[in-house]
ModelCIF file with pLDDT and N, C-alpha, C, O atoms, coordinates in Angstrom:
data_MODEL
#
_entry.id   MODEL 
#
_entity.id                         1 
_entity.type                       polymer 
_entity.pdbx_number_of_molecules   1 
#
_entity_poly.entity_id                      1 
_entity_poly.type                           'polypeptide(L)' 
_entity_poly.nstd_linkage                   no 
_entity_poly.nstd_monomer                   no 
_entity_poly.pdbx_seq_one_letter_code       
;(UNK)(UNK)(UNK)(UNK)(UNK)(UNK)(UNK)(UNK)(UNK)(UNK)(UNK)(UNK)(UNK)(UNK)(UNK)(UNK)
(UNK)(UNK)(UNK)(UNK)(UNK)(UNK)(UNK)(UNK)(UNK)(UNK)(UNK)(UNK)(UNK)(UNK)(UNK)(UNK)
(UNK)(UNK)
;
_entity_poly.pdbx_seq_one_letter_code_can   XXXXXXXXXXXXXXXXXXXXXXXXXXXXXXXXXX 
_entity_poly.pdbx_strand_id                 A 
#
loop_
_entity_poly_seq.entity_id 
_entity_poly_seq.num 
_entity_poly_seq.mon_id 
_entity_poly_seq.hetero 
1 1  UNK n 
1 2  UNK n 
1 3  UNK n 
1 4  UNK n 
1 5  UNK n 
1 6  UNK n 
1 7  UNK n 
1 8  UNK n 
1 9  UNK n 
1 10 UNK n 
1 11 UNK n 
1 12 UNK n 
1 13 UNK n 
1 14 UNK n 
1 15 UNK n 
1 16 UNK n 
1 17 UNK n 
1 18 UNK n 
1 19 UNK n 
1 20 UNK n 
1 21 UNK n 
1 22 UNK n 
1 23 UNK n 
1 24 UNK n 
1 25 UNK n 
1 26 UNK n 
1 27 UNK n 
1 28 UNK n 
1 29 UNK n 
1 30 UNK n 
1 31 UNK n 
1 32 UNK n 
1 33 UNK n 
1 34 UNK n 
#
_struct_asym.id          A 
_struct_asym.entity_id   1 
#
loop_
_ma_qa_metric.id 
_ma_qa_metric.mode 
_ma_qa_metric.name 
_ma_qa_metric.software_group_id 
_ma_qa_metric.type 
1 global pLDDT . pLDDT 
2 local  pLDDT . pLDDT 
#
_ma_qa_metric_global.metric_id      1 
_ma_qa_metric_global.metric_value   96.32 
_ma_qa_metric_global.model_id       1 
_ma_qa_metric_global.ordinal_id     1 
#
loop_
_ma_qa_metric_local.label_asym_id 
_ma_qa_metric_local.label_comp_id 
_ma_qa_metric_local.label_seq_id 
_ma_qa_metric_local.metric_id 
_ma_qa_metric_local.metric_value 
_ma_qa_metric_local.model_id 
_ma_qa_metric_local.ordinal_id 
A UNK 1  2 98.00 1 1  
A UNK 2  2 98.00 1 2  
A UNK 3  2 98.00 1 3  
A UNK 4  2 98.00 1 4  
A UNK 5  2 98.00 1 5  
A UNK 6  2 98.00 1 6  
A UNK 7  2 98.00 1 7  
A UNK 8  2 97.00 1 8  
A UNK 9  2 93.00 1 9  
A UNK 10 2 91.00 1 10 
A UNK 11 2 85.00 1 11 
A UNK 12 2 88.00 1 12 
A UNK 13 2 92.00 1 13 
A UNK 14 2 92.00 1 14 
A UNK 15 2 95.00 1 15 
A UNK 16 2 96.00 1 16 
A UNK 17 2 98.00 1 17 
A UNK 18 2 98.00 1 18 
A UNK 19 2 98.00 1 19 
A UNK 20 2 98.00 1 20 
A UNK 21 2 98.00 1 21 
A UNK 22 2 98.00 1 22 
A UNK 23 2 98.00 1 23 
A UNK 24 2 98.00 1 24 
A UNK 25 2 97.00 1 25 
A UNK 26 2 97.00 1 26 
A UNK 27 2 98.00 1 27 
A UNK 28 2 98.00 1 28 
A UNK 29 2 98.00 1 29 
A UNK 30 2 98.00 1 30 
A UNK 31 2 98.00 1 31 
A UNK 32 2 98.00 1 32 
A UNK 33 2 97.00 1 33 
A UNK 34 2 97.00 1 34 
#
loop_
_atom_site.group_PDB 
_atom_site.id 
_atom_site.type_symbol 
_atom_site.label_atom_id 
_atom_site.label_alt_id 
_atom_site.label_comp_id 
_atom_site.label_asym_id 
_atom_site.label_entity_id 
_atom_site.label_seq_id 
_atom_site.pdbx_PDB_ins_code 
_atom_site.Cartn_x 
_atom_site.Cartn_y 
_atom_site.Cartn_z 
_atom_site.occupancy 
_atom_site.B_iso_or_equiv 
_atom_site.pdbx_formal_charge 
_atom_site.auth_seq_id 
_atom_site.auth_comp_id 
_atom_site.auth_asym_id 
_atom_site.auth_atom_id 
_atom_site.pdbx_PDB_model_num 
ATOM 1   N N  . UNK A 1 1  ? 11.828 -41.214 33.914 1.00 98.00 ? 1  UNK A N  1 
ATOM 2   C CA . UNK A 1 1  ? 12.512 -40.252 33.053 1.00 98.00 ? 1  UNK A CA 1 
ATOM 3   C C  . UNK A 1 1  ? 13.183 -39.129 33.828 1.00 98.00 ? 1  UNK A C  1 
ATOM 4   O O  . UNK A 1 1  ? 13.830 -38.271 33.227 1.00 98.00 ? 1  UNK A O  1 
ATOM 5   N N  . UNK A 1 2  ? 13.045 -39.117 35.131 1.00 98.00 ? 2  UNK A N  1 
ATOM 6   C CA . UNK A 1 2  ? 13.650 -38.065 35.937 1.00 98.00 ? 2  UNK A CA 1 
ATOM 7   C C  . UNK A 1 2  ? 15.163 -38.035 35.735 1.00 98.00 ? 2  UNK A C  1 
ATOM 8   O O  . UNK A 1 2  ? 15.835 -39.065 35.787 1.00 98.00 ? 2  UNK A O  1 
ATOM 9   N N  . UNK A 1 3  ? 15.674 -36.843 35.506 1.00 98.00 ? 3  UNK A N  1 
ATOM 10  C CA . UNK A 1 3  ? 17.093 -36.680 35.270 1.00 98.00 ? 3  UNK A CA 1 
ATOM 11  C C  . UNK A 1 3  ? 17.500 -36.869 33.831 1.00 98.00 ? 3  UNK A C  1 
ATOM 12  O O  . UNK A 1 3  ? 18.642 -36.583 33.470 1.00 98.00 ? 3  UNK A O  1 
ATOM 13  N N  . UNK A 1 4  ? 16.591 -37.348 32.997 1.00 98.00 ? 4  UNK A N  1 
ATOM 14  C CA . UNK A 1 4  ? 16.895 -37.579 31.587 1.00 98.00 ? 4  UNK A CA 1 
ATOM 15  C C  . UNK A 1 4  ? 16.073 -36.701 30.651 1.00 98.00 ? 4  UNK A C  1 
ATOM 16  O O  . UNK A 1 4  ? 16.563 -36.285 29.601 1.00 98.00 ? 4  UNK A O  1 
ATOM 17  N N  . UNK A 1 5  ? 14.832 -36.419 31.022 1.00 98.00 ? 5  UNK A N  1 
ATOM 18  C CA . UNK A 1 5  ? 13.950 -35.608 30.192 1.00 98.00 ? 5  UNK A CA 1 
ATOM 19  C C  . UNK A 1 5  ? 13.725 -34.252 30.846 1.00 98.00 ? 5  UNK A C  1 
ATOM 20  O O  . UNK A 1 5  ? 13.728 -34.132 32.071 1.00 98.00 ? 5  UNK A O  1 
ATOM 21  N N  . UNK A 1 6  ? 13.530 -33.232 30.016 1.00 98.00 ? 6  UNK A N  1 
ATOM 22  C CA . UNK A 1 6  ? 13.253 -31.893 30.508 1.00 98.00 ? 6  UNK A CA 1 
ATOM 23  C C  . UNK A 1 6  ? 12.107 -31.287 29.720 1.00 98.00 ? 6  UNK A C  1 
ATOM 24  O O  . UNK A 1 6  ? 12.177 -31.178 28.496 1.00 98.00 ? 6  UNK A O  1 
ATOM 25  N N  . UNK A 1 7  ? 11.057 -30.894 30.417 1.00 98.00 ? 7  UNK A N  1 
ATOM 26  C CA . UNK A 1 7  ? 9.929  -30.241 29.774 1.00 98.00 ? 7  UNK A CA 1 
ATOM 27  C C  . UNK A 1 7  ? 10.051 -28.732 29.958 1.00 98.00 ? 7  UNK A C  1 
ATOM 28  O O  . UNK A 1 7  ? 10.465 -28.260 31.017 1.00 98.00 ? 7  UNK A O  1 
ATOM 29  N N  . UNK A 1 8  ? 9.694  -27.989 28.934 1.00 97.00 ? 8  UNK A N  1 
ATOM 30  C CA . UNK A 1 8  ? 9.723  -26.534 29.009 1.00 97.00 ? 8  UNK A CA 1 
ATOM 31  C C  . UNK A 1 8  ? 8.671  -25.963 28.077 1.00 97.00 ? 8  UNK A C  1 
ATOM 32  O O  . UNK A 1 8  ? 8.171  -26.653 27.189 1.00 97.00 ? 8  UNK A O  1 
ATOM 33  N N  . UNK A 1 9  ? 8.344  -24.707 28.285 1.00 93.00 ? 9  UNK A N  1 
ATOM 34  C CA . UNK A 1 9  ? 7.380  -24.047 27.420 1.00 93.00 ? 9  UNK A CA 1 
ATOM 35  C C  . UNK A 1 9  ? 7.864  -22.650 27.083 1.00 93.00 ? 9  UNK A C  1 
ATOM 36  O O  . UNK A 1 9  ? 8.478  -21.975 27.910 1.00 93.00 ? 9  UNK A O  1 
ATOM 37  N N  . UNK A 1 10 ? 7.585  -22.225 25.871 1.00 91.00 ? 10 UNK A N  1 
ATOM 38  C CA . UNK A 1 10 ? 7.918  -20.891 25.413 1.00 91.00 ? 10 UNK A CA 1 
ATOM 39  C C  . UNK A 1 10 ? 6.622  -20.276 24.915 1.00 91.00 ? 10 UNK A C  1 
ATOM 40  O O  . UNK A 1 10 ? 6.215  -20.499 23.775 1.00 91.00 ? 10 UNK A O  1 
ATOM 41  N N  . UNK A 1 11 ? 5.985  -19.508 25.770 1.00 85.00 ? 11 UNK A N  1 
ATOM 42  C CA . UNK A 1 11 ? 4.692  -18.932 25.416 1.00 85.00 ? 11 UNK A CA 1 
ATOM 43  C C  . UNK A 1 11 ? 4.782  -17.997 24.212 1.00 85.00 ? 11 UNK A C  1 
ATOM 44  O O  . UNK A 1 11 ? 3.871  -17.951 23.385 1.00 85.00 ? 11 UNK A O  1 
ATOM 45  N N  . UNK A 1 12 ? 5.875  -17.259 24.116 1.00 88.00 ? 12 UNK A N  1 
ATOM 46  C CA . UNK A 1 12 ? 6.043  -16.326 23.012 1.00 88.00 ? 12 UNK A CA 1 
ATOM 47  C C  . UNK A 1 12 ? 6.100  -17.044 21.672 1.00 88.00 ? 12 UNK A C  1 
ATOM 48  O O  . UNK A 1 12 ? 5.690  -16.495 20.649 1.00 88.00 ? 12 UNK A O  1 
ATOM 49  N N  . UNK A 1 13 ? 6.607  -18.265 21.678 1.00 92.00 ? 13 UNK A N  1 
ATOM 50  C CA . UNK A 1 13 ? 6.709  -19.049 20.456 1.00 92.00 ? 13 UNK A CA 1 
ATOM 51  C C  . UNK A 1 13 ? 5.570  -20.053 20.301 1.00 92.00 ? 13 UNK A C  1 
ATOM 52  O O  . UNK A 1 13 ? 5.549  -20.834 19.349 1.00 92.00 ? 13 UNK A O  1 
ATOM 53  N N  . UNK A 1 14 ? 4.636  -20.031 21.229 1.00 92.00 ? 14 UNK A N  1 
ATOM 54  C CA . UNK A 1 14 ? 3.493  -20.942 21.194 1.00 92.00 ? 14 UNK A CA 1 
ATOM 55  C C  . UNK A 1 14 ? 3.937  -22.396 21.105 1.00 92.00 ? 14 UNK A C  1 
ATOM 56  O O  . UNK A 1 14 ? 3.359  -23.193 20.366 1.00 92.00 ? 14 UNK A O  1 
ATOM 57  N N  . UNK A 1 15 ? 4.961  -22.722 21.861 1.00 95.00 ? 15 UNK A N  1 
ATOM 58  C CA . UNK A 1 15 ? 5.574  -24.037 21.718 1.00 95.00 ? 15 UNK A CA 1 
ATOM 59  C C  . UNK A 1 15 ? 5.897  -24.676 23.070 1.00 95.00 ? 15 UNK A C  1 
ATOM 60  O O  . UNK A 1 15 ? 6.384  -24.018 23.990 1.00 95.00 ? 15 UNK A O  1 
ATOM 61  N N  . UNK A 1 16 ? 5.620  -25.939 23.160 1.00 96.00 ? 16 UNK A N  1 
ATOM 62  C CA . UNK A 1 16 ? 5.994  -26.781 24.277 1.00 96.00 ? 16 UNK A CA 1 
ATOM 63  C C  . UNK A 1 16 ? 7.121  -27.694 23.815 1.00 96.00 ? 16 UNK A C  1 
ATOM 64  O O  . UNK A 1 16 ? 7.112  -28.164 22.677 1.00 96.00 ? 16 UNK A O  1 
ATOM 65  N N  . UNK A 1 17 ? 8.087  -27.946 24.685 1.00 98.00 ? 17 UNK A N  1 
ATOM 66  C CA . UNK A 1 17 ? 9.226  -28.774 24.326 1.00 98.00 ? 17 UNK A CA 1 
ATOM 67  C C  . UNK A 1 17 ? 9.399  -29.929 25.296 1.00 98.00 ? 17 UNK A C  1 
ATOM 68  O O  . UNK A 1 17 ? 8.984  -29.862 26.453 1.00 98.00 ? 17 UNK A O  1 
ATOM 69  N N  . UNK A 1 18 ? 10.015 -30.976 24.804 1.00 98.00 ? 18 UNK A N  1 
ATOM 70  C CA . UNK A 1 18 ? 10.485 -32.053 25.656 1.00 98.00 ? 18 UNK A CA 1 
ATOM 71  C C  . UNK A 1 18 ? 11.864 -32.462 25.166 1.00 98.00 ? 18 UNK A C  1 
ATOM 72  O O  . UNK A 1 18 ? 12.015 -32.997 24.068 1.00 98.00 ? 18 UNK A O  1 
ATOM 73  N N  . UNK A 1 19 ? 12.860 -32.204 25.987 1.00 98.00 ? 19 UNK A N  1 
ATOM 74  C CA . UNK A 1 19 ? 14.221 -32.619 25.686 1.00 98.00 ? 19 UNK A CA 1 
ATOM 75  C C  . UNK A 1 19 ? 14.434 -34.009 26.251 1.00 98.00 ? 19 UNK A C  1 
ATOM 76  O O  . UNK A 1 19 ? 14.256 -34.235 27.447 1.00 98.00 ? 19 UNK A O  1 
ATOM 77  N N  . UNK A 1 20 ? 14.814 -34.931 25.397 1.00 98.00 ? 20 UNK A N  1 
ATOM 78  C CA . UNK A 1 20 ? 15.037 -36.311 25.792 1.00 98.00 ? 20 UNK A CA 1 
ATOM 79  C C  . UNK A 1 20 ? 16.526 -36.615 25.682 1.00 98.00 ? 20 UNK A C  1 
ATOM 80  O O  . UNK A 1 20 ? 17.093 -36.583 24.589 1.00 98.00 ? 20 UNK A O  1 
ATOM 81  N N  . UNK A 1 21 ? 17.145 -36.904 26.795 1.00 98.00 ? 21 UNK A N  1 
ATOM 82  C CA . UNK A 1 21 ? 18.562 -37.242 26.836 1.00 98.00 ? 21 UNK A CA 1 
ATOM 83  C C  . UNK A 1 21 ? 18.738 -38.645 27.399 1.00 98.00 ? 21 UNK A C  1 
ATOM 84  O O  . UNK A 1 21 ? 17.843 -39.193 28.042 1.00 98.00 ? 21 UNK A O  1 
ATOM 85  N N  . UNK A 1 22 ? 19.905 -39.210 27.144 1.00 98.00 ? 22 UNK A N  1 
ATOM 86  C CA . UNK A 1 22 ? 20.239 -40.544 27.646 1.00 98.00 ? 22 UNK A CA 1 
ATOM 87  C C  . UNK A 1 22 ? 19.133 -41.541 27.340 1.00 98.00 ? 22 UNK A C  1 
ATOM 88  O O  . UNK A 1 22 ? 18.689 -42.286 28.214 1.00 98.00 ? 22 UNK A O  1 
ATOM 89  N N  . UNK A 1 23 ? 18.701 -41.544 26.101 1.00 98.00 ? 23 UNK A N  1 
ATOM 90  C CA . UNK A 1 23 ? 17.565 -42.361 25.714 1.00 98.00 ? 23 UNK A CA 1 
ATOM 91  C C  . UNK A 1 23 ? 17.849 -43.847 25.844 1.00 98.00 ? 23 UNK A C  1 
ATOM 92  O O  . UNK A 1 23 ? 18.958 -44.315 25.585 1.00 98.00 ? 23 UNK A O  1 
ATOM 93  N N  . UNK A 1 24 ? 16.834 -44.565 26.244 1.00 98.00 ? 24 UNK A N  1 
ATOM 94  C CA . UNK A 1 24 ? 16.890 -46.007 26.423 1.00 98.00 ? 24 UNK A CA 1 
ATOM 95  C C  . UNK A 1 24 ? 15.872 -46.657 25.497 1.00 98.00 ? 24 UNK A C  1 
ATOM 96  O O  . UNK A 1 24 ? 14.944 -46.000 25.027 1.00 98.00 ? 24 UNK A O  1 
ATOM 97  N N  . UNK A 1 25 ? 16.046 -47.945 25.238 1.00 97.00 ? 25 UNK A N  1 
ATOM 98  C CA . UNK A 1 25 ? 15.112 -48.641 24.368 1.00 97.00 ? 25 UNK A CA 1 
ATOM 99  C C  . UNK A 1 25 ? 13.690 -48.575 24.914 1.00 97.00 ? 25 UNK A C  1 
ATOM 100 O O  . UNK A 1 25 ? 12.727 -48.558 24.148 1.00 97.00 ? 25 UNK A O  1 
ATOM 101 N N  . UNK A 1 26 ? 13.563 -48.539 26.221 1.00 97.00 ? 26 UNK A N  1 
ATOM 102 C CA . UNK A 1 26 ? 12.254 -48.469 26.860 1.00 97.00 ? 26 UNK A CA 1 
ATOM 103 C C  . UNK A 1 26 ? 11.526 -47.153 26.599 1.00 97.00 ? 26 UNK A C  1 
ATOM 104 O O  . UNK A 1 26 ? 10.330 -47.040 26.864 1.00 97.00 ? 26 UNK A O  1 
ATOM 105 N N  . UNK A 1 27 ? 12.242 -46.167 26.083 1.00 98.00 ? 27 UNK A N  1 
ATOM 106 C CA . UNK A 1 27 ? 11.631 -44.883 25.762 1.00 98.00 ? 27 UNK A CA 1 
ATOM 107 C C  . UNK A 1 27 ? 10.935 -44.892 24.409 1.00 98.00 ? 27 UNK A C  1 
ATOM 108 O O  . UNK A 1 27 ? 10.248 -43.932 24.060 1.00 98.00 ? 27 UNK A O  1 
ATOM 109 N N  . UNK A 1 28 ? 11.102 -45.948 23.657 1.00 98.00 ? 28 UNK A N  1 
ATOM 110 C CA . UNK A 1 28 ? 10.468 -46.046 22.349 1.00 98.00 ? 28 UNK A CA 1 
ATOM 111 C C  . UNK A 1 28 ? 8.952  -45.993 22.492 1.00 98.00 ? 28 UNK A C  1 
ATOM 112 O O  . UNK A 1 28 ? 8.355  -46.808 23.196 1.00 98.00 ? 28 UNK A O  1 
ATOM 113 N N  . UNK A 1 29 ? 8.343  -45.034 21.822 1.00 98.00 ? 29 UNK A N  1 
ATOM 114 C CA . UNK A 1 29 ? 6.897  -44.844 21.929 1.00 98.00 ? 29 UNK A CA 1 
ATOM 115 C C  . UNK A 1 29 ? 6.467  -43.718 21.006 1.00 98.00 ? 29 UNK A C  1 
ATOM 116 O O  . UNK A 1 29 ? 7.294  -42.988 20.459 1.00 98.00 ? 29 UNK A O  1 
ATOM 117 N N  . UNK A 1 30 ? 5.171  -43.594 20.847 1.00 98.00 ? 30 UNK A N  1 
ATOM 118 C CA . UNK A 1 30 ? 4.586  -42.432 20.203 1.00 98.00 ? 30 UNK A CA 1 
ATOM 119 C C  . UNK A 1 30 ? 4.350  -41.395 21.291 1.00 98.00 ? 30 UNK A C  1 
ATOM 120 O O  . UNK A 1 30 ? 3.652  -41.664 22.268 1.00 98.00 ? 30 UNK A O  1 
ATOM 121 N N  . UNK A 1 31 ? 4.922  -40.225 21.125 1.00 98.00 ? 31 UNK A N  1 
ATOM 122 C CA . UNK A 1 31 ? 4.833  -39.174 22.127 1.00 98.00 ? 31 UNK A CA 1 
ATOM 123 C C  . UNK A 1 31 ? 3.792  -38.135 21.739 1.00 98.00 ? 31 UNK A C  1 
ATOM 124 O O  . UNK A 1 31 ? 3.788  -37.631 20.616 1.00 98.00 ? 31 UNK A O  1 
ATOM 125 N N  . UNK A 1 32 ? 2.915  -37.823 22.678 1.00 98.00 ? 32 UNK A N  1 
ATOM 126 C CA . UNK A 1 32 ? 1.843  -36.864 22.474 1.00 98.00 ? 32 UNK A CA 1 
ATOM 127 C C  . UNK A 1 32 ? 2.010  -35.662 23.390 1.00 98.00 ? 32 UNK A C  1 
ATOM 128 O O  . UNK A 1 32 ? 2.471  -35.801 24.523 1.00 98.00 ? 32 UNK A O  1 
ATOM 129 N N  . UNK A 1 33 ? 1.642  -34.500 22.912 1.00 97.00 ? 33 UNK A N  1 
ATOM 130 C CA . UNK A 1 33 ? 1.506  -33.355 23.792 1.00 97.00 ? 33 UNK A CA 1 
ATOM 131 C C  . UNK A 1 33 ? 0.029  -33.117 24.056 1.00 97.00 ? 33 UNK A C  1 
ATOM 132 O O  . UNK A 1 33 ? -0.825 -33.496 23.256 1.00 97.00 ? 33 UNK A O  1 
ATOM 133 N N  . UNK A 1 34 ? -0.263 -32.485 25.186 1.00 97.00 ? 34 UNK A N  1 
ATOM 134 C CA . UNK A 1 34 ? -1.643 -32.262 25.582 1.00 97.00 ? 34 UNK A CA 1 
ATOM 135 C C  . UNK A 1 34 ? -1.739 -31.031 26.460 1.00 97.00 ? 34 UNK A C  1 
ATOM 136 O O  . UNK A 1 34 ? -2.830 -30.671 26.901 1.00 97.00 ? 34 UNK A O  1 
#
């Protein structure tokens, strides 16, 4: 996923993000945060 996904966090908003770009069929999955 290097170059396609971007992880970030916003502590003030109590939120973790994952930006998924240039998605491929192989990216199909259930995504979990931890």
